[in-house]
Amino acid sequence: MKKLVGIALAATIGIGGLGTFATTKTHAAVNKQESTKSVYQVSDVQGEFMHIKVGKPWSMTPSGKQYKYVLFSENKIYVNPKTGVVTAYEEGAAEGRVLDKNGNVVAIWYITAFK
């Protein structure tokens, strides 16, 4: 009987210890400083809203050769990555980003295209 109680106690302590270790490790991974850096970088840039007409080009700002332009859209809205000129071929929405030569986001545009 003493052996059975001893085994049960050892198993309980062992499982409890593993639970504490797993919880501590997960907690440490969540609190790593690297996981918060990108959040702060993006939050420093205020997004601006722009309504554009389908078929009429519009340029994202800032502009210049030192910038690169990217656009995220599920609609037929496109950007020239070198000039920042946005053209919509159908109604819809898009998010445009202006990046500096180091790849940092310097401007965010929320674009809505209408007829």
PDB file of N, CA and C in Angstrom:
ATOM      1  N   MET A   1       0.819  -1.193   0.000  1.00  0.00           N
ATOM      2  CA  MET A   1       0.000   0.000   0.000  1.00  0.00           C
ATOM      3  C   MET A   1       0.862   1.256   0.000  1.00  0.00           C
ATOM      4  N   LYS A   2       1.980   1.234   0.773  1.00  0.00           N
ATOM      5  CA  LYS A   2       2.868   2.393   0.828  1.00  0.00           C
ATOM      6  C   LYS A   2       3.474   2.664  -0.547  1.00  0.00           C
ATOM      7  N   LYS A   3       3.799   1.583  -1.295  1.00  0.00           N
ATOM      8  CA  LYS A   3       4.371   1.759  -2.631  1.00  0.00           C
ATOM      9  C   LYS A   3       3.365   2.441  -3.562  1.00  0.00           C
ATOM     10  N   LEU A   4       2.107   2.048  -3.485  1.00  0.00           N
ATOM     11  CA  LEU A   4       1.075   2.618  -4.338  1.00  0.00           C
ATOM     12  C   LEU A   4       0.881   4.110  -4.061  1.00  0.00           C
ATOM     13  N   VAL A   5       0.875   4.493  -2.783  1.00  0.00           N
ATOM     14  CA  VAL A   5       0.751   5.899  -2.407  1.00  0.00           C
ATOM     15  C   VAL A   5       1.976   6.675  -2.872  1.00  0.00           C
ATOM     16  N   GLY A   6       3.153   6.086  -2.729  1.00  0.00           N
ATOM     17  CA  GLY A   6       4.398   6.736  -3.160  1.00  0.00           C
ATOM     18  C   GLY A   6       4.424   6.968  -4.658  1.00  0.00           C
ATOM     19  N   ILE A   7       3.967   5.985  -5.422  1.00  0.00           N
ATOM     20  CA  ILE A   7       3.937   6.117  -6.887  1.00  0.00           C
ATOM     21  C   ILE A   7       2.935   7.199  -7.300  1.00  0.00           C
ATOM     22  N   ALA A   8       1.762   7.202  -6.671  1.00  0.00           N
ATOM     23  CA  ALA A   8       0.746   8.210  -6.989  1.00  0.00           C
ATOM     24  C   ALA A   8       1.252   9.613  -6.672  1.00  0.00           C
ATOM     25  N   LEU A   9       1.930   9.767  -5.523  1.00  0.00           N
ATOM     26  CA  LEU A   9       2.468  11.070  -5.132  1.00  0.00           C
ATOM     27  C   LEU A   9       3.555  11.523  -6.105  1.00  0.00           C
ATOM     28  N   ALA A  10       4.439  10.613  -6.494  1.00  0.00           N
ATOM     29  CA  ALA A  10       5.516  10.944  -7.434  1.00  0.00           C
ATOM     30  C   ALA A  10       4.942  11.345  -8.793  1.00  0.00           C
ATOM     31  N   ALA A  11       3.912  10.616  -9.226  1.00  0.00           N
ATOM     32  CA  ALA A  11       3.291  10.937 -10.514  1.00  0.00           C
ATOM     33  C   ALA A  11       2.639  12.313 -10.472  1.00  0.00           C
ATOM     34  N   THR A  12       1.969  12.639  -9.375  1.00  0.00           N
ATOM     35  CA  THR A  12       1.318  13.944  -9.233  1.00  0.00           C
ATOM     36  C   THR A  12       2.337  15.068  -9.247  1.00  0.00           C
ATOM     37  N   ILE A  13       3.417  14.904  -8.504  1.00  0.00           N
ATOM     38  CA  ILE A  13       4.470  15.929  -8.469  1.00  0.00           C
ATOM     39  C   ILE A  13       5.116  16.073  -9.839  1.00  0.00           C
ATOM     40  N   GLY A  14       5.364  14.964 -10.510  1.00  0.00           N
ATOM     41  CA  GLY A  14       5.990  14.994 -11.836  1.00  0.00           C
ATOM     42  C   GLY A  14       5.120  15.700 -12.857  1.00  0.00           C
ATOM     43  N   ILE A  15       3.836  15.380 -12.882  1.00  0.00           N
ATOM     44  CA  ILE A  15       2.924  16.017 -13.836  1.00  0.00           C
ATOM     45  C   ILE A  15       2.768  17.499 -13.515  1.00  0.00           C
ATOM     46  N   GLY A  16       2.668  17.834 -12.236  1.00  0.00           N
ATOM     47  CA  GLY A  16       2.567  19.237 -11.830  1.00  0.00           C
ATOM     48  C   GLY A  16       3.797  20.019 -12.234  1.00  0.00           C
ATOM     49  N   GLY A  17       4.958  19.414 -12.080  1.00  0.00           N
ATOM     50  CA  GLY A  17       6.210  20.073 -12.470  1.00  0.00           C
ATOM     51  C   GLY A  17       6.282  20.307 -13.960  1.00  0.00           C
ATOM     52  N   LEU A  18       5.830  19.318 -14.740  1.00  0.00           N
ATOM     53  CA  LEU A  18       5.820  19.488 -16.193  1.00  0.00           C
ATOM     54  C   LEU A  18       4.868  20.601 -16.606  1.00  0.00           C
ATOM     55  N   GLY A  19       3.718  20.672 -15.959  1.00  0.00           N
ATOM     56  CA  GLY A  19       2.754  21.728 -16.265  1.00  0.00           C
ATOM     57  C   GLY A  19       3.326  23.099 -15.985  1.00  0.00           C
ATOM     58  N   THR A  20       4.017  23.245 -14.867  1.00  0.00           N
ATOM     59  CA  THR A  20       4.636  24.530 -14.525  1.00  0.00           C
ATOM     60  C   THR A  20       5.717  24.885 -15.530  1.00  0.00           C
ATOM     61  N   PHE A  21       6.530  23.904 -15.933  1.00  0.00           N
ATOM     62  CA  PHE A  21       7.595  24.147 -16.900  1.00  0.00           C
ATOM     63  C   PHE A  21       7.012  24.584 -18.243  1.00  0.00           C
ATOM     64  N   ALA A  22       5.991  23.868 -18.700  1.00  0.00           N
ATOM     65  CA  ALA A  22       5.386  24.195 -19.995  1.00  0.00           C
ATOM     66  C   ALA A  22       4.751  25.583 -19.956  1.00  0.00           C
ATOM     67  N   THR A  23       4.081  25.907 -18.874  1.00  0.00           N
ATOM     68  CA  THR A  23       3.444  27.214 -18.748  1.00  0.00           C
ATOM     69  C   THR A  23       4.483  28.322 -18.718  1.00  0.00           C
ATOM     70  N   THR A  24       5.557  28.116 -17.969  1.00  0.00           N
ATOM     71  CA  THR A  24       6.613  29.120 -17.866  1.00  0.00           C
ATOM     72  C   THR A  24       7.267  29.341 -19.224  1.00  0.00           C
ATOM     73  N   LYS A  25       7.531  28.270 -19.944  1.00  0.00           N
ATOM     74  CA  LYS A  25       8.176  28.389 -21.240  1.00  0.00           C
ATOM     75  C   LYS A  25       7.265  29.132 -22.227  1.00  0.00           C
ATOM     76  N   THR A  26       5.996  28.821 -22.241  1.00  0.00           N
ATOM     77  CA  THR A  26       5.057  29.502 -23.128  1.00  0.00           C
ATOM     78  C   THR A  26       4.967  30.978 -22.774  1.00  0.00           C
ATOM     79  N   HIS A  27       4.898  31.272 -21.505  1.00  0.00           N
ATOM     80  CA  HIS A  27       4.811  32.656 -21.041  1.00  0.00           C
ATOM     81  C   HIS A  27       6.046  33.448 -21.487  1.00  0.00           C
ATOM     82  N   ALA A  28       7.215  32.831 -21.386  1.00  0.00           N
ATOM     83  CA  ALA A  28       8.449  33.512 -21.789  1.00  0.00           C
ATOM     84  C   ALA A  28       8.446  33.780 -23.293  1.00  0.00           C
ATOM     85  N   ALA A  29       7.943  32.836 -24.084  1.00  0.00           N
ATOM     86  CA  ALA A  29       7.917  33.027 -25.534  1.00  0.00           C
ATOM     87  C   ALA A  29       6.977  34.164 -25.925  1.00  0.00           C
ATOM     88  N   VAL A  30       5.887  34.317 -25.218  1.00  0.00           N
ATOM     89  CA  VAL A  30       4.937  35.384 -25.524  1.00  0.00           C
ATOM     90  C   VAL A  30       5.516  36.748 -25.176  1.00  0.00           C
ATOM     91  N   ASN A  31       6.334  36.822 -24.138  1.00  0.00           N
ATOM     92  CA  ASN A  31       6.868  38.102 -23.687  1.00  0.00           C
ATOM     93  C   ASN A  31       8.205  38.477 -24.313  1.00  0.00           C
ATOM     94  N   LYS A  32       8.653  37.787 -25.341  1.00  0.00           N
ATOM     95  CA  LYS A  32       9.905  38.158 -25.999  1.00  0.00           C
ATOM     96  C   LYS A  32       9.773  39.543 -26.609  1.00  0.00           C
ATOM     97  N   GLN A  33      10.819  40.334 -26.513  1.00  0.00           N
ATOM     98  CA  GLN A  33      10.789  41.692 -27.062  1.00  0.00           C
ATOM     99  C   GLN A  33      10.660  41.683 -28.584  1.00  0.00           C
ATOM    100  N   GLU A  34      11.207  40.668 -29.256  1.00  0.00           N
ATOM    101  CA  GLU A  34      11.146  40.635 -30.711  1.00  0.00           C
ATOM    102  C   GLU A  34       9.703  40.591 -31.210  1.00  0.00           C
ATOM    103  N   SER A  35       8.809  40.007 -30.432  1.00  0.00           N
ATOM    104  CA  SER A  35       7.430  39.876 -30.891  1.00  0.00           C
ATOM    105  C   SER A  35       6.671  41.193 -30.836  1.00  0.00           C
ATOM    106  N   THR A  36       7.189  42.186 -30.161  1.00  0.00           N
ATOM    107  CA  THR A  36       6.474  43.459 -30.071  1.00  0.00           C
ATOM    108  C   THR A  36       7.069  44.536 -30.972  1.00  0.00           C
ATOM    109  N   LYS A  37       8.248  44.333 -31.513  1.00  0.00           N
ATOM    110  CA  LYS A  37       8.887  45.371 -32.321  1.00  0.00           C
ATOM    111  C   LYS A  37       8.064  45.728 -33.554  1.00  0.00           C
ATOM    112  N   SER A  38       7.584  44.745 -34.292  1.00  0.00           N
ATOM    113  CA  SER A  38       6.847  45.047 -35.516  1.00  0.00           C
ATOM    114  C   SER A  38       5.535  45.763 -35.222  1.00  0.00           C
ATOM    115  N   VAL A  39       4.926  45.466 -34.101  1.00  0.00           N
ATOM    116  CA  VAL A  39       3.682  46.139 -33.733  1.00  0.00           C
ATOM    117  C   VAL A  39       3.937  47.620 -33.535  1.00  0.00           C
ATOM    118  N   TYR A  40       5.021  47.970 -32.852  1.00  0.00           N
ATOM    119  CA  TYR A  40       5.330  49.379 -32.629  1.00  0.00           C
ATOM    120  C   TYR A  40       5.695  50.084 -33.926  1.00  0.00           C
ATOM    121  N   GLN A  41       6.411  49.420 -34.816  1.00  0.00           N
ATOM    122  CA  GLN A  41       6.802  50.058 -36.068  1.00  0.00           C
ATOM    123  C   GLN A  41       5.588  50.396 -36.919  1.00  0.00           C
ATOM    124  N   VAL A  42       4.649  49.495 -37.014  1.00  0.00           N
ATOM    125  CA  VAL A  42       3.474  49.728 -37.840  1.00  0.00           C
ATOM    126  C   VAL A  42       2.567  50.771 -37.206  1.00  0.00           C
ATOM    127  N   SER A  43       2.452  50.770 -35.884  1.00  0.00           N
ATOM    128  CA  SER A  43       1.521  51.686 -35.226  1.00  0.00           C
ATOM    129  C   SER A  43       1.988  53.137 -35.285  1.00  0.00           C
ATOM    130  N   ASP A  44       3.241  53.387 -35.598  1.00  0.00           N
ATOM    131  CA  ASP A  44       3.738  54.757 -35.702  1.00  0.00           C
ATOM    132  C   ASP A  44       3.241  55.456 -36.966  1.00  0.00           C
ATOM    133  N   VAL A  45       2.784  54.699 -37.944  1.00  0.00           N
ATOM    134  CA  VAL A  45       2.354  55.265 -39.216  1.00  0.00           C
ATOM    135  C   VAL A  45       0.827  55.354 -39.226  1.00  0.00           C
ATOM    136  N   GLN A  46       0.324  56.554 -39.405  1.00  0.00           N
ATOM    137  CA  GLN A  46      -1.123  56.755 -39.491  1.00  0.00           C
ATOM    138  C   GLN A  46      -1.595  56.451 -40.911  1.00  0.00           C
ATOM    139  N   GLY A  47      -2.672  55.709 -41.031  1.00  0.00           N
ATOM    140  CA  GLY A  47      -3.242  55.426 -42.338  1.00  0.00           C
ATOM    141  C   GLY A  47      -4.137  56.566 -42.798  1.00  0.00           C
ATOM    142  N   GLU A  48      -4.169  56.786 -44.110  1.00  0.00           N
ATOM    143  CA  GLU A  48      -5.032  57.819 -44.682  1.00  0.00           C
ATOM    144  C   GLU A  48      -5.998  57.161 -45.663  1.00  0.00           C
ATOM    145  N   PHE A  49      -7.178  57.720 -45.793  1.00  0.00           N
ATOM    146  CA  PHE A  49      -8.202  57.184 -46.670  1.00  0.00           C
ATOM    147  C   PHE A  49      -8.261  57.987 -47.964  1.00  0.00           C
ATOM    148  N   MET A  50      -8.473  57.269 -49.075  1.00  0.00           N
ATOM    149  CA  MET A  50      -8.558  57.928 -50.379  1.00  0.00           C
ATOM    150  C   MET A  50      -9.617  57.232 -51.215  1.00  0.00           C
ATOM    151  N   HIS A  51     -10.498  58.016 -51.825  1.00  0.00           N
ATOM    152  CA  HIS A  51     -11.501  57.496 -52.749  1.00  0.00           C
ATOM    153  C   HIS A  51     -11.039  57.857 -54.153  1.00  0.00           C
ATOM    154  N   ILE A  52     -10.945  56.854 -55.006  1.00  0.00           N
ATOM    155  CA  ILE A  52     -10.514  57.109 -56.384  1.00  0.00           C
ATOM    156  C   ILE A  52     -11.595  56.621 -57.343  1.00  0.00           C
ATOM    157  N   LYS A  53     -11.575  57.180 -58.532  1.00  0.00           N
ATOM    158  CA  LYS A  53     -12.541  56.795 -59.555  1.00  0.00           C
ATOM    159  C   LYS A  53     -11.946  55.682 -60.415  1.00  0.00           C
ATOM    160  N   VAL A  54     -12.776  54.688 -60.735  1.00  0.00           N
ATOM    161  CA  VAL A  54     -12.336  53.576 -61.582  1.00  0.00           C
ATOM    162  C   VAL A  54     -11.850  54.135 -62.918  1.00  0.00           C
ATOM    163  N   GLY A  55     -10.658  53.707 -63.340  1.00  0.00           N
ATOM    164  CA  GLY A  55     -10.083  54.127 -64.615  1.00  0.00           C
ATOM    165  C   GLY A  55      -9.260  55.402 -64.563  1.00  0.00           C
ATOM    166  N   LYS A  56      -9.307  56.132 -63.453  1.00  0.00           N
ATOM    167  CA  LYS A  56      -8.544  57.377 -63.343  1.00  0.00           C
ATOM    168  C   LYS A  56      -7.345  57.148 -62.415  1.00  0.00           C
ATOM    169  N   PRO A  57      -6.107  57.268 -62.930  1.00  0.00           N
ATOM    170  CA  PRO A  57      -4.916  57.028 -62.100  1.00  0.00           C
ATOM    171  C   PRO A  57      -4.770  58.049 -60.972  1.00  0.00           C
ATOM    172  N   TRP A  58      -4.190  57.596 -59.889  1.00  0.00           N
ATOM    173  CA  TRP A  58      -3.920  58.443 -58.719  1.00  0.00           C
ATOM    174  C   TRP A  58      -2.568  58.021 -58.146  1.00  0.00           C
ATOM    175  N   SER A  59      -1.784  58.973 -57.643  1.00  0.00           N
ATOM    176  CA  SER A  59      -0.444  58.679 -57.120  1.00  0.00           C
ATOM    177  C   SER A  59      -0.406  58.702 -55.598  1.00  0.00           C
ATOM    178  N   MET A  60       0.166  57.633 -55.035  1.00  0.00           N
ATOM    179  CA  MET A  60       0.385  57.596 -53.588  1.00  0.00           C
ATOM    180  C   MET A  60       1.526  58.544 -53.241  1.00  0.00           C
ATOM    181  N   THR A  61       1.465  59.127 -52.064  1.00  0.00           N
ATOM    182  CA  THR A  61       2.545  59.989 -51.580  1.00  0.00           C
ATOM    183  C   THR A  61       3.060  59.427 -50.268  1.00  0.00           C
ATOM    184  N   PRO A  62       4.290  59.687 -49.909  1.00  0.00           N
ATOM    185  CA  PRO A  62       5.282  60.495 -50.613  1.00  0.00           C
ATOM    186  C   PRO A  62       5.738  59.812 -51.902  1.00  0.00           C
ATOM    187  N   SER A  63       6.333  60.595 -52.773  1.00  0.00           N
ATOM    188  CA  SER A  63       6.791  60.051 -54.044  1.00  0.00           C
ATOM    189  C   SER A  63       8.272  60.341 -54.229  1.00  0.00           C
ATOM    190  N   GLY A  64       8.890  59.547 -55.067  1.00  0.00           N
ATOM    191  CA  GLY A  64      10.311  59.718 -55.357  1.00  0.00           C
ATOM    192  C   GLY A  64      10.974  58.382 -55.609  1.00  0.00           C
ATOM    193  N   LYS A  65      12.176  58.440 -56.145  1.00  0.00           N
ATOM    194  CA  LYS A  65      12.904  57.217 -56.491  1.00  0.00           C
ATOM    195  C   LYS A  65      13.334  56.414 -55.269  1.00  0.00           C
ATOM    196  N   GLN A  66      13.387  57.056 -54.097  1.00  0.00           N
ATOM    197  CA  GLN A  66      13.840  56.359 -52.896  1.00  0.00           C
ATOM    198  C   GLN A  66      12.731  55.514 -52.258  1.00  0.00           C
ATOM    199  N   TYR A  67      11.522  55.539 -52.836  1.00  0.00           N
ATOM    200  CA  TYR A  67      10.392  54.798 -52.275  1.00  0.00           C
ATOM    201  C   TYR A  67       9.972  53.641 -53.171  1.00  0.00           C
ATOM    202  N   LYS A  68       9.379  52.631 -52.537  1.00  0.00           N
ATOM    203  CA  LYS A  68       8.802  51.490 -53.246  1.00  0.00           C
ATOM    204  C   LYS A  68       7.347  51.392 -52.795  1.00  0.00           C
ATOM    205  N   TYR A  69       6.476  50.940 -53.684  1.00  0.00           N
ATOM    206  CA  TYR A  69       5.046  50.938 -53.407  1.00  0.00           C
ATOM    207  C   TYR A  69       4.481  49.526 -53.532  1.00  0.00           C
ATOM    208  N   VAL A  70       3.665  49.130 -52.558  1.00  0.00           N
ATOM    209  CA  VAL A  70       2.997  47.830 -52.601  1.00  0.00           C
ATOM    210  C   VAL A  70       1.507  48.048 -52.352  1.00  0.00           C
ATOM    211  N   LEU A  71       0.702  47.149 -52.901  1.00  0.00           N
ATOM    212  CA  LEU A  71      -0.748  47.270 -52.776  1.00  0.00           C
ATOM    213  C   LEU A  71      -1.336  45.895 -52.491  1.00  0.00           C
ATOM    214  N   PHE A  72      -2.271  45.841 -51.562  1.00  0.00           N
ATOM    215  CA  PHE A  72      -2.960  44.606 -51.213  1.00  0.00           C
ATOM    216  C   PHE A  72      -4.435  44.781 -51.554  1.00  0.00           C
ATOM    217  N   SER A  73      -4.941  43.946 -52.460  1.00  0.00           N
ATOM    218  CA  SER A  73      -6.341  44.058 -52.856  1.00  0.00           C
ATOM    219  C   SER A  73      -6.828  42.742 -53.441  1.00  0.00           C
ATOM    220  N   GLU A  74      -8.088  42.442 -53.198  1.00  0.00           N
ATOM    221  CA  GLU A  74      -8.721  41.287 -53.824  1.00  0.00           C
ATOM    222  C   GLU A  74      -9.457  41.705 -55.093  1.00  0.00           C
ATOM    223  N   ASN A  75      -9.452  42.982 -55.386  1.00  0.00           N
ATOM    224  CA  ASN A  75     -10.122  43.515 -56.571  1.00  0.00           C
ATOM    225  C   ASN A  75      -9.085  43.868 -57.623  1.00  0.00           C
ATOM    226  N   LYS A  76      -9.546  44.314 -58.781  1.00  0.00           N
ATOM    227  CA  LYS A  76      -8.638  44.701 -59.862  1.00  0.00           C
ATOM    228  C   LYS A  76      -8.173  46.135 -59.648  1.00  0.00           C
ATOM    229  N   ILE A  77      -7.352  46.304 -58.622  1.00  0.00           N
ATOM    230  CA  ILE A  77      -6.742  47.594 -58.300  1.00  0.00           C
ATOM    231  C   ILE A  77      -5.242  47.341 -58.234  1.00  0.00           C
ATOM    232  N   TYR A  78      -4.484  48.081 -59.017  1.00  0.00           N
ATOM    233  CA  TYR A  78      -3.058  47.810 -59.143  1.00  0.00           C
ATOM    234  C   TYR A  78      -2.228  49.067 -58.897  1.00  0.00           C
ATOM    235  N   VAL A  79      -0.944  48.845 -58.561  1.00  0.00           N
ATOM    236  CA  VAL A  79      -0.015  49.949 -58.363  1.00  0.00           C
ATOM    237  C   VAL A  79       1.261  49.663 -59.145  1.00  0.00           C
ATOM    238  N   ASN A  80       1.848  50.712 -59.698  1.00  0.00           N
ATOM    239  CA  ASN A  80       3.172  50.601 -60.288  1.00  0.00           C
ATOM    240  C   ASN A  80       4.152  50.666 -59.118  1.00  0.00           C
ATOM    241  N   PRO A  81       4.939  49.602 -58.860  1.00  0.00           N
ATOM    242  CA  PRO A  81       5.800  49.571 -57.674  1.00  0.00           C
ATOM    243  C   PRO A  81       6.907  50.624 -57.660  1.00  0.00           C
ATOM    244  N   LYS A  82       7.216  51.207 -58.815  1.00  0.00           N
ATOM    245  CA  LYS A  82       8.279  52.219 -58.868  1.00  0.00           C
ATOM    246  C   LYS A  82       7.753  53.647 -58.791  1.00  0.00           C
ATOM    247  N   THR A  83       6.567  53.889 -59.343  1.00  0.00           N
ATOM    248  CA  THR A  83       6.049  55.263 -59.387  1.00  0.00           C
ATOM    249  C   THR A  83       4.957  55.536 -58.354  1.00  0.00           C
ATOM    250  N   GLY A  84       4.304  54.488 -57.871  1.00  0.00           N
ATOM    251  CA  GLY A  84       3.227  54.671 -56.901  1.00  0.00           C
ATOM    252  C   GLY A  84       1.899  55.056 -57.513  1.00  0.00           C
ATOM    253  N   VAL A  85       1.783  54.957 -58.844  1.00  0.00           N
ATOM    254  CA  VAL A  85       0.526  55.285 -59.512  1.00  0.00           C
ATOM    255  C   VAL A  85      -0.435  54.107 -59.364  1.00  0.00           C
ATOM    256  N   VAL A  86      -1.605  54.397 -58.786  1.00  0.00           N
ATOM    257  CA  VAL A  86      -2.632  53.385 -58.546  1.00  0.00           C
ATOM    258  C   VAL A  86      -3.721  53.538 -59.599  1.00  0.00           C
ATOM    259  N   THR A  87      -4.143  52.410 -60.189  1.00  0.00           N
ATOM    260  CA  THR A  87      -5.243  52.415 -61.144  1.00  0.00           C
ATOM    261  C   THR A  87      -6.215  51.304 -60.774  1.00  0.00           C
ATOM    262  N   ALA A  88      -7.486  51.652 -60.703  1.00  0.00           N
ATOM    263  CA  ALA A  88      -8.533  50.672 -60.413  1.00  0.00           C
ATOM    264  C   ALA A  88      -9.276  50.350 -61.704  1.00  0.00           C
ATOM    265  N   TYR A  89      -9.510  49.067 -61.943  1.00  0.00           N
ATOM    266  CA  TYR A  89     -10.252  48.631 -63.119  1.00  0.00           C
ATOM    267  C   TYR A  89     -11.638  48.125 -62.753  1.00  0.00           C
ATOM    268  N   GLU A  90     -11.949  48.124 -61.457  1.00  0.00           N
ATOM    269  CA  GLU A  90     -13.279  47.780 -60.963  1.00  0.00           C
ATOM    270  C   GLU A  90     -13.449  48.385 -59.579  1.00  0.00           C
ATOM    271  N   GLU A  91     -14.677  48.450 -59.110  1.00  0.00           N
ATOM    272  CA  GLU A  91     -14.928  48.964 -57.767  1.00  0.00           C
ATOM    273  C   GLU A  91     -14.363  47.993 -56.740  1.00  0.00           C
ATOM    274  N   GLY A  92     -13.932  48.533 -55.617  1.00  0.00           N
ATOM    275  CA  GLY A  92     -13.394  47.683 -54.565  1.00  0.00           C
ATOM    276  C   GLY A  92     -12.549  48.473 -53.593  1.00  0.00           C
ATOM    277  N   ALA A  93     -11.796  47.724 -52.801  1.00  0.00           N
ATOM    278  CA  ALA A  93     -10.956  48.343 -51.773  1.00  0.00           C
ATOM    279  C   ALA A  93      -9.550  47.780 -51.842  1.00  0.00           C
ATOM    280  N   ALA A  94      -8.599  48.556 -51.327  1.00  0.00           N
ATOM    281  CA  ALA A  94      -7.199  48.137 -51.318  1.00  0.00           C
ATOM    282  C   ALA A  94      -6.471  48.837 -50.183  1.00  0.00           C
ATOM    283  N   GLU A  95      -5.352  48.252 -49.797  1.00  0.00           N
ATOM    284  CA  GLU A  95      -4.451  48.901 -48.841  1.00  0.00           C
ATOM    285  C   GLU A  95      -3.119  49.086 -49.538  1.00  0.00           C
ATOM    286  N   GLY A  96      -2.660  50.323 -49.606  1.00  0.00           N
ATOM    287  CA  GLY A  96      -1.384  50.630 -50.226  1.00  0.00           C
ATOM    288  C   GLY A  96      -0.372  51.032 -49.173  1.00  0.00           C
ATOM    289  N   ARG A  97       0.870  50.631 -49.389  1.00  0.00           N
ATOM    290  CA  ARG A  97       1.941  51.000 -48.458  1.00  0.00           C
ATOM    291  C   ARG A  97       3.110  51.588 -49.224  1.00  0.00           C
ATOM    292  N   VAL A  98       3.676  52.636 -48.651  1.00  0.00           N
ATOM    293  CA  VAL A  98       4.869  53.270 -49.206  1.00  0.00           C
ATOM    294  C   VAL A  98       6.025  52.871 -48.301  1.00  0.00           C
ATOM    295  N   LEU A  99       7.069  52.294 -48.911  1.00  0.00           N
ATOM    296  CA  LEU A  99       8.236  51.824 -48.167  1.00  0.00           C
ATOM    297  C   LEU A  99       9.454  52.661 -48.529  1.00  0.00           C
ATOM    298  N   ASP A 100      10.303  52.933 -47.539  1.00  0.00           N
ATOM    299  CA  ASP A 100      11.553  53.629 -47.841  1.00  0.00           C
ATOM    300  C   ASP A 100      12.577  52.616 -48.339  1.00  0.00           C
ATOM    301  N   LYS A 101      13.796  53.083 -48.630  1.00  0.00           N
ATOM    302  CA  LYS A 101      14.803  52.191 -49.216  1.00  0.00           C
ATOM    303  C   LYS A 101      15.228  51.074 -48.270  1.00  0.00           C
ATOM    304  N   ASN A 102      14.962  51.221 -46.963  1.00  0.00           N
ATOM    305  CA  ASN A 102      15.283  50.175 -45.988  1.00  0.00           C
ATOM    306  C   ASN A 102      14.125  49.216 -45.754  1.00  0.00           C
ATOM    307  N   GLY A 103      13.001  49.449 -46.418  1.00  0.00           N
ATOM    308  CA  GLY A 103      11.837  48.585 -46.268  1.00  0.00           C
ATOM    309  C   GLY A 103      10.899  48.976 -45.143  1.00  0.00           C
ATOM    310  N   ASN A 104      11.131  50.128 -44.524  1.00  0.00           N
ATOM    311  CA  ASN A 104      10.249  50.604 -43.455  1.00  0.00           C
ATOM    312  C   ASN A 104       9.004  51.253 -44.047  1.00  0.00           C
ATOM    313  N   VAL A 105       7.862  51.006 -43.437  1.00  0.00           N
ATOM    314  CA  VAL A 105       6.607  51.610 -43.889  1.00  0.00           C
ATOM    315  C   VAL A 105       6.592  53.080 -43.476  1.00  0.00           C
ATOM    316  N   VAL A 106       6.437  53.965 -44.460  1.00  0.00           N
ATOM    317  CA  VAL A 106       6.392  55.404 -44.167  1.00  0.00           C
ATOM    318  C   VAL A 106       4.997  55.990 -44.376  1.00  0.00           C
ATOM    319  N   ALA A 107       4.141  55.277 -45.109  1.00  0.00           N
ATOM    320  CA  ALA A 107       2.763  55.741 -45.309  1.00  0.00           C
ATOM    321  C   ALA A 107       1.870  54.548 -45.610  1.00  0.00           C
ATOM    322  N   ILE A 108       0.639  54.628 -45.136  1.00  0.00           N
ATOM    323  CA  ILE A 108      -0.369  53.608 -45.415  1.00  0.00           C
ATOM    324  C   ILE A 108      -1.594  54.311 -45.996  1.00  0.00           C
ATOM    325  N   TRP A 109      -2.107  53.759 -47.093  1.00  0.00           N
ATOM    326  CA  TRP A 109      -3.291  54.312 -47.747  1.00  0.00           C
ATOM    327  C   TRP A 109      -4.384  53.260 -47.779  1.00  0.00           C
ATOM    328  N   TYR A 110      -5.582  53.638 -47.359  1.00  0.00           N
ATOM    329  CA  TYR A 110      -6.766  52.786 -47.466  1.00  0.00           C
ATOM    330  C   TYR A 110      -7.582  53.345 -48.630  1.00  0.00           C
ATOM    331  N   ILE A 111      -7.616  52.595 -49.712  1.00  0.00           N
ATOM    332  CA  ILE A 111      -8.153  53.094 -50.976  1.00  0.00           C
ATOM    333  C   ILE A 111      -9.496  52.431 -51.287  1.00  0.00           C
ATOM    334  N   THR A 112     -10.453  53.248 -51.679  1.00  0.00           N
ATOM    335  CA  THR A 112     -11.750  52.758 -52.132  1.00  0.00           C
ATOM    336  C   THR A 112     -11.961  53.251 -53.556  1.00  0.00           C
ATOM    337  N   ALA A 113     -12.249  52.317 -54.466  1.00  0.00           N
ATOM    338  CA  ALA A 113     -12.490  52.680 -55.863  1.00  0.00           C
ATOM    339  C   ALA A 113     -13.991  52.622 -56.144  1.00  0.00           C
ATOM    340  N   PHE A 114     -14.493  53.639 -56.833  1.00  0.00           N
ATOM    341  CA  PHE A 114     -15.918  53.706 -57.169  1.00  0.00           C
ATOM    342  C   PHE A 114     -16.078  54.123 -58.626  1.00  0.00           C
ATOM    343  N   LYS A 115     -17.278  53.890 -59.192  1.00  0.00           N
ATOM    344  CA  LYS A 115     -17.539  54.268 -60.592  1.00  0.00           C
ATOM    345  C   LYS A 115     -18.062  55.675 -60.679  1.00  0.00           C
TER     346      LYS A 115
END
